[in-house]
Amino acid sequence: MAEHAEYKRPLPLPDEETAEYWEGARRHQLIIRRCQDCQYYIHYPKARCPRCRSANVAGSPVSGRGRIYSYSIVHVALAPGFEPPYAVVLVELDEQSDVRILTNLVDCPLDEVRIGMPVEVVYHDVTPETTLPQFRPTRAAEPHRHFQPQPAGNADVAQRPAQPPTREVHG
């Protein structure tokens, strides 16, 4: 790996639930937890599926493509190493509409950032141990299209649209 200049921004501190996400990033692969029983993607990583409550969850590679769901242009220095202005975006991944990643948008003039803009993951090797997934506008010549993950197990499960988790409230 190439030598890295001293990185001045805060670094992630992986834990048991986020380790596979950060290990995938080091390999330049976006890994999102997925329930092996109902096929629901889970991000931010959790030990149990919020949809079916199964503990049978594992990391699953995803396309790294999505759209900007929301964004903010930061104009004030709020954290060490982040020089304003810069864009913070909430990316909705193609695999499932409620899987969203909070990240930086790179390689895009700030006045061109738009909700719905197609984006793709890029990897920044910031230290020999840490790689940060960030997003940039899609540059592929082909049209942006939805990734179709292969189902693990029961094929009809993947055909059902993902439903957000529900909670019963008892008064």
C-alpha atoms as a PDB file:
ATOM      1  CA  MET A   1       0.000   0.000   0.000  1.00  0.00           C
ATOM      2  CA  ALA A   2       1.224   3.508  -0.769  1.00  0.00           C
ATOM      3  CA  GLU A   3       2.579   5.747   1.954  1.00  0.00           C
ATOM      4  CA  HIS A   4      -0.022   7.990   3.536  1.00  0.00           C
ATOM      5  CA  ALA A   5       0.392  11.551   4.696  1.00  0.00           C
ATOM      6  CA  GLU A   6      -0.563  12.070   8.326  1.00  0.00           C
ATOM      7  CA  TYR A   7      -4.351  11.805   8.392  1.00  0.00           C
ATOM      8  CA  LYS A   8      -5.853  14.544  10.563  1.00  0.00           C
ATOM      9  CA  ARG A   9      -9.544  13.615  10.676  1.00  0.00           C
ATOM     10  CA  PRO A  10     -11.179  11.329  13.241  1.00  0.00           C
ATOM     11  CA  LEU A  11     -10.924   7.632  12.359  1.00  0.00           C
ATOM     12  CA  PRO A  12     -13.632   5.005  12.817  1.00  0.00           C
ATOM     13  CA  LEU A  13     -13.368   2.658  15.786  1.00  0.00           C
ATOM     14  CA  PRO A  14     -14.772  -0.674  14.557  1.00  0.00           C
ATOM     15  CA  ASP A  15     -16.579  -2.849  17.065  1.00  0.00           C
ATOM     16  CA  GLU A  16     -18.014  -6.358  16.874  1.00  0.00           C
ATOM     17  CA  GLU A  17     -21.021  -5.253  14.821  1.00  0.00           C
ATOM     18  CA  THR A  18     -19.196  -2.887  12.430  1.00  0.00           C
ATOM     19  CA  ALA A  19     -15.965  -4.845  11.889  1.00  0.00           C
ATOM     20  CA  GLU A  20     -17.142  -6.580   8.683  1.00  0.00           C
ATOM     21  CA  TYR A  21     -18.159  -3.204   7.183  1.00  0.00           C
ATOM     22  CA  TRP A  22     -14.693  -1.731   7.827  1.00  0.00           C
ATOM     23  CA  GLU A  23     -12.852  -4.900   6.755  1.00  0.00           C
ATOM     24  CA  GLY A  24     -14.841  -4.834   3.505  1.00  0.00           C
ATOM     25  CA  ALA A  25     -13.899  -1.182   3.001  1.00  0.00           C
ATOM     26  CA  ARG A  26     -10.207  -2.099   3.384  1.00  0.00           C
ATOM     27  CA  ARG A  27     -10.740  -4.568   0.491  1.00  0.00           C
ATOM     28  CA  HIS A  28     -12.579  -1.838  -1.480  1.00  0.00           C
ATOM     29  CA  GLN A  29     -15.863  -3.704  -1.135  1.00  0.00           C
ATOM     30  CA  LEU A  30     -19.052  -2.277   0.381  1.00  0.00           C
ATOM     31  CA  ILE A  31     -20.438  -4.830   2.851  1.00  0.00           C
ATOM     32  CA  ILE A  32     -23.859  -4.348   4.433  1.00  0.00           C
ATOM     33  CA  ARG A  33     -25.335  -6.738   6.989  1.00  0.00           C
ATOM     34  CA  ARG A  34     -28.204  -8.811   5.676  1.00  0.00           C
ATOM     35  CA  CYS A  35     -30.628 -11.106   7.435  1.00  0.00           C
ATOM     36  CA  GLN A  36     -30.085 -14.622   6.142  1.00  0.00           C
ATOM     37  CA  ASP A  37     -33.678 -15.551   7.021  1.00  0.00           C
ATOM     38  CA  CYS A  38     -35.758 -12.734   5.473  1.00  0.00           C
ATOM     39  CA  GLN A  39     -33.068 -11.131   3.215  1.00  0.00           C
ATOM     40  CA  TYR A  40     -33.521  -7.672   4.782  1.00  0.00           C
ATOM     41  CA  TYR A  41     -30.456  -5.387   4.636  1.00  0.00           C
ATOM     42  CA  ILE A  42     -29.498  -3.844   7.977  1.00  0.00           C
ATOM     43  CA  HIS A  43     -27.540  -0.618   8.254  1.00  0.00           C
ATOM     44  CA  TYR A  44     -26.335   0.685  10.732  1.00  0.00           C
ATOM     45  CA  PRO A  45     -25.139  -2.861  11.592  1.00  0.00           C
ATOM     46  CA  LYS A  46     -27.040  -4.612  14.363  1.00  0.00           C
ATOM     47  CA  ALA A  47     -26.834  -8.070  15.920  1.00  0.00           C
ATOM     48  CA  ARG A  48     -30.490  -8.831  15.072  1.00  0.00           C
ATOM     49  CA  CYS A  49     -32.709  -8.172  12.098  1.00  0.00           C
ATOM     50  CA  PRO A  50     -35.139  -5.337  12.898  1.00  0.00           C
ATOM     51  CA  ARG A  51     -37.669  -6.872  10.510  1.00  0.00           C
ATOM     52  CA  CYS A  52     -37.925 -10.508  11.701  1.00  0.00           C
ATOM     53  CA  ARG A  53     -35.749 -10.364  14.878  1.00  0.00           C
ATOM     54  CA  SER A  54     -33.467 -13.164  13.632  1.00  0.00           C
ATOM     55  CA  ALA A  55     -29.884 -13.255  14.859  1.00  0.00           C
ATOM     56  CA  ASN A  56     -28.898 -14.991  11.613  1.00  0.00           C
ATOM     57  CA  VAL A  57     -27.241 -11.922  10.042  1.00  0.00           C
ATOM     58  CA  ALA A  58     -24.066 -11.701   7.989  1.00  0.00           C
ATOM     59  CA  GLY A  59     -22.226  -9.246   5.790  1.00  0.00           C
ATOM     60  CA  SER A  60     -23.286  -9.190   2.157  1.00  0.00           C
ATOM     61  CA  PRO A  61     -21.582  -7.329  -0.703  1.00  0.00           C
ATOM     62  CA  VAL A  62     -23.684  -4.616  -2.349  1.00  0.00           C
ATOM     63  CA  SER A  63     -23.253  -2.676  -5.581  1.00  0.00           C
ATOM     64  CA  GLY A  64     -22.040   0.573  -4.009  1.00  0.00           C
ATOM     65  CA  ARG A  65     -24.537   2.492  -6.120  1.00  0.00           C
ATOM     66  CA  GLY A  66     -27.397   4.637  -4.956  1.00  0.00           C
ATOM     67  CA  ARG A  67     -28.917   8.077  -4.957  1.00  0.00           C
ATOM     68  CA  ILE A  68     -28.627  11.096  -2.716  1.00  0.00           C
ATOM     69  CA  TYR A  69     -31.579  10.956  -0.328  1.00  0.00           C
ATOM     70  CA  SER A  70     -30.646  14.120   1.566  1.00  0.00           C
ATOM     71  CA  TYR A  71     -27.642  16.397   1.941  1.00  0.00           C
ATOM     72  CA  SER A  72     -26.151  19.339   3.747  1.00  0.00           C
ATOM     73  CA  ILE A  73     -23.424  21.719   2.675  1.00  0.00           C
ATOM     74  CA  VAL A  74     -21.283  22.428   5.731  1.00  0.00           C
ATOM     75  CA  HIS A  75     -19.978  25.990   5.871  1.00  0.00           C
ATOM     76  CA  VAL A  76     -18.586  26.079   9.421  1.00  0.00           C
ATOM     77  CA  ALA A  77     -15.598  24.140  10.768  1.00  0.00           C
ATOM     78  CA  LEU A  78     -17.248  21.614  13.093  1.00  0.00           C
ATOM     79  CA  ALA A  79     -14.686  18.825  13.404  1.00  0.00           C
ATOM     80  CA  PRO A  80     -10.886  18.584  13.231  1.00  0.00           C
ATOM     81  CA  GLY A  81      -9.519  18.165   9.720  1.00  0.00           C
ATOM     82  CA  PHE A  82     -12.743  19.031   7.893  1.00  0.00           C
ATOM     83  CA  GLU A  83     -12.252  22.270   6.011  1.00  0.00           C
ATOM     84  CA  PRO A  84     -15.531  23.869   4.886  1.00  0.00           C
ATOM     85  CA  PRO A  85     -17.314  24.029   2.633  1.00  0.00           C
ATOM     86  CA  TYR A  86     -18.015  20.344   1.962  1.00  0.00           C
ATOM     87  CA  ALA A  87     -21.030  18.122   1.310  1.00  0.00           C
ATOM     88  CA  VAL A  88     -22.360  15.545   3.740  1.00  0.00           C
ATOM     89  CA  VAL A  89     -24.850  13.248   2.046  1.00  0.00           C
ATOM     90  CA  LEU A  90     -27.276  10.532   3.039  1.00  0.00           C
ATOM     91  CA  VAL A  91     -27.036   7.926   0.276  1.00  0.00           C
ATOM     92  CA  GLU A  92     -29.956   5.554  -0.278  1.00  0.00           C
ATOM     93  CA  LEU A  93     -28.507   2.333  -1.678  1.00  0.00           C
ATOM     94  CA  ASP A  94     -30.059   0.685  -4.724  1.00  0.00           C
ATOM     95  CA  GLU A  95     -30.468  -2.617  -2.919  1.00  0.00           C
ATOM     96  CA  GLN A  96     -33.143  -1.415  -0.484  1.00  0.00           C
ATOM     97  CA  SER A  97     -34.791   1.988  -0.139  1.00  0.00           C
ATOM     98  CA  ASP A  98     -34.350   2.232   3.631  1.00  0.00           C
ATOM     99  CA  VAL A  99     -30.636   1.385   3.633  1.00  0.00           C
ATOM    100  CA  ARG A 100     -28.872   4.720   3.895  1.00  0.00           C
ATOM    101  CA  ILE A 101     -25.248   5.637   4.535  1.00  0.00           C
ATOM    102  CA  LEU A 102     -24.144   9.000   5.923  1.00  0.00           C
ATOM    103  CA  THR A 103     -20.958   9.961   4.121  1.00  0.00           C
ATOM    104  CA  ASN A 104     -19.049  12.665   2.280  1.00  0.00           C
ATOM    105  CA  LEU A 105     -19.645  13.479  -1.356  1.00  0.00           C
ATOM    106  CA  VAL A 106     -16.409  13.927  -3.300  1.00  0.00           C
ATOM    107  CA  ASP A 107     -15.491  14.941  -6.855  1.00  0.00           C
ATOM    108  CA  CYS A 108     -18.576  17.119  -7.231  1.00  0.00           C
ATOM    109  CA  PRO A 109     -18.907  20.914  -7.258  1.00  0.00           C
ATOM    110  CA  LEU A 110     -21.100  21.885  -4.302  1.00  0.00           C
ATOM    111  CA  ASP A 111     -23.550  23.819  -6.471  1.00  0.00           C
ATOM    112  CA  GLU A 112     -24.278  20.619  -8.451  1.00  0.00           C
ATOM    113  CA  VAL A 113     -25.324  18.453  -5.483  1.00  0.00           C
ATOM    114  CA  ARG A 114     -28.970  17.390  -5.857  1.00  0.00           C
ATOM    115  CA  ILE A 115     -31.409  15.078  -4.127  1.00  0.00           C
ATOM    116  CA  GLY A 116     -31.874  12.043  -6.377  1.00  0.00           C
ATOM    117  CA  MET A 117     -28.390  12.394  -7.920  1.00  0.00           C
ATOM    118  CA  PRO A 118     -26.997   8.948  -8.847  1.00  0.00           C
ATOM    119  CA  VAL A 119     -23.804   8.201  -6.919  1.00  0.00           C
ATOM    120  CA  GLU A 120     -21.268   5.410  -6.548  1.00  0.00           C
ATOM    121  CA  VAL A 121     -18.856   4.418  -3.830  1.00  0.00           C
ATOM    122  CA  VAL A 122     -15.162   5.307  -3.984  1.00  0.00           C
ATOM    123  CA  TYR A 123     -12.570   4.236  -1.455  1.00  0.00           C
ATOM    124  CA  HIS A 124     -10.057   6.461   0.273  1.00  0.00           C
ATOM    125  CA  ASP A 125      -7.148   4.601   1.866  1.00  0.00           C
ATOM    126  CA  VAL A 126      -6.453   7.112   4.638  1.00  0.00           C
ATOM    127  CA  THR A 127      -4.043   4.962   6.676  1.00  0.00           C
ATOM    128  CA  PRO A 128      -2.610   1.484   6.063  1.00  0.00           C
ATOM    129  CA  GLU A 129      -5.323   0.117   8.386  1.00  0.00           C
ATOM    130  CA  THR A 130      -8.281   2.335   7.473  1.00  0.00           C
ATOM    131  CA  THR A 131     -10.193   2.848   4.250  1.00  0.00           C
ATOM    132  CA  LEU A 132     -13.184   5.165   4.129  1.00  0.00           C
ATOM    133  CA  PRO A 133     -16.046   4.552   1.710  1.00  0.00           C
ATOM    134  CA  GLN A 134     -17.209   7.863   0.261  1.00  0.00           C
ATOM    135  CA  PHE A 135     -19.440   8.625  -2.705  1.00  0.00           C
ATOM    136  CA  ARG A 136     -19.135  10.587  -5.945  1.00  0.00           C
ATOM    137  CA  PRO A 137     -21.537  11.252  -8.811  1.00  0.00           C
ATOM    138  CA  THR A 138     -21.901   8.197 -11.044  1.00  0.00           C
ATOM    139  CA  ARG A 139     -19.496   8.362 -13.949  1.00  0.00           C
ATOM    140  CA  ALA A 140     -20.392   5.173 -15.796  1.00  0.00           C
ATOM    141  CA  ALA A 141     -21.395   5.558 -19.436  1.00  0.00           C
ATOM    142  CA  GLU A 142     -24.325   3.187 -18.932  1.00  0.00           C
ATOM    143  CA  PRO A 143     -27.521   4.417 -17.274  1.00  0.00           C
ATOM    144  CA  HIS A 144     -27.837   4.108 -13.510  1.00  0.00           C
ATOM    145  CA  ARG A 145     -29.864   1.013 -12.723  1.00  0.00           C
ATOM    146  CA  HIS A 146     -30.812  -0.927  -9.651  1.00  0.00           C
ATOM    147  CA  PHE A 147     -28.568  -3.734  -8.452  1.00  0.00           C
ATOM    148  CA  GLN A 148     -30.331  -7.093  -8.177  1.00  0.00           C
ATOM    149  CA  PRO A 149     -28.689  -9.135  -5.421  1.00  0.00           C
ATOM    150  CA  GLN A 150     -28.860 -12.903  -5.657  1.00  0.00           C
ATOM    151  CA  PRO A 151     -31.081 -14.393  -2.965  1.00  0.00           C
ATOM    152  CA  ALA A 152     -29.428 -16.596  -0.386  1.00  0.00           C
ATOM    153  CA  GLY A 153     -31.823 -19.468   0.066  1.00  0.00           C
ATOM    154  CA  ASN A 154     -35.512 -19.170  -0.711  1.00  0.00           C
ATOM    155  CA  ALA A 155     -35.853 -17.415  -4.105  1.00  0.00           C
ATOM    156  CA  ASP A 156     -39.372 -16.098  -3.480  1.00  0.00           C
ATOM    157  CA  VAL A 157     -38.158 -14.120  -0.452  1.00  0.00           C
ATOM    158  CA  ALA A 158     -36.071 -11.808  -2.648  1.00  0.00           C
ATOM    159  CA  GLN A 159     -39.114 -11.074  -4.834  1.00  0.00           C
ATOM    160  CA  ARG A 160     -41.080  -9.444  -2.024  1.00  0.00           C
ATOM    161  CA  PRO A 161     -40.563  -5.704  -1.622  1.00  0.00           C
ATOM    162  CA  ALA A 162     -38.730  -4.753   1.530  1.00  0.00           C
ATOM    163  CA  GLN A 163     -41.042  -3.509   4.264  1.00  0.00           C
ATOM    164  CA  PRO A 164     -39.816  -1.198   6.990  1.00  0.00           C
ATOM    165  CA  PRO A 165     -39.733  -2.691  10.461  1.00  0.00           C
ATOM    166  CA  THR A 166     -42.884  -2.105  12.458  1.00  0.00           C
ATOM    167  CA  ARG A 167     -43.372  -1.741  16.162  1.00  0.00           C
ATOM    168  CA  GLU A 168     -46.515  -2.297  18.107  1.00  0.00           C
ATOM    169  CA  VAL A 169     -47.241   0.339  20.680  1.00  0.00           C
ATOM    170  CA  HIS A 170     -49.246  -0.739  23.690  1.00  0.00           C
ATOM    171  CA  GLY A 171     -50.742   1.995  25.778  1.00  0.00           C
END
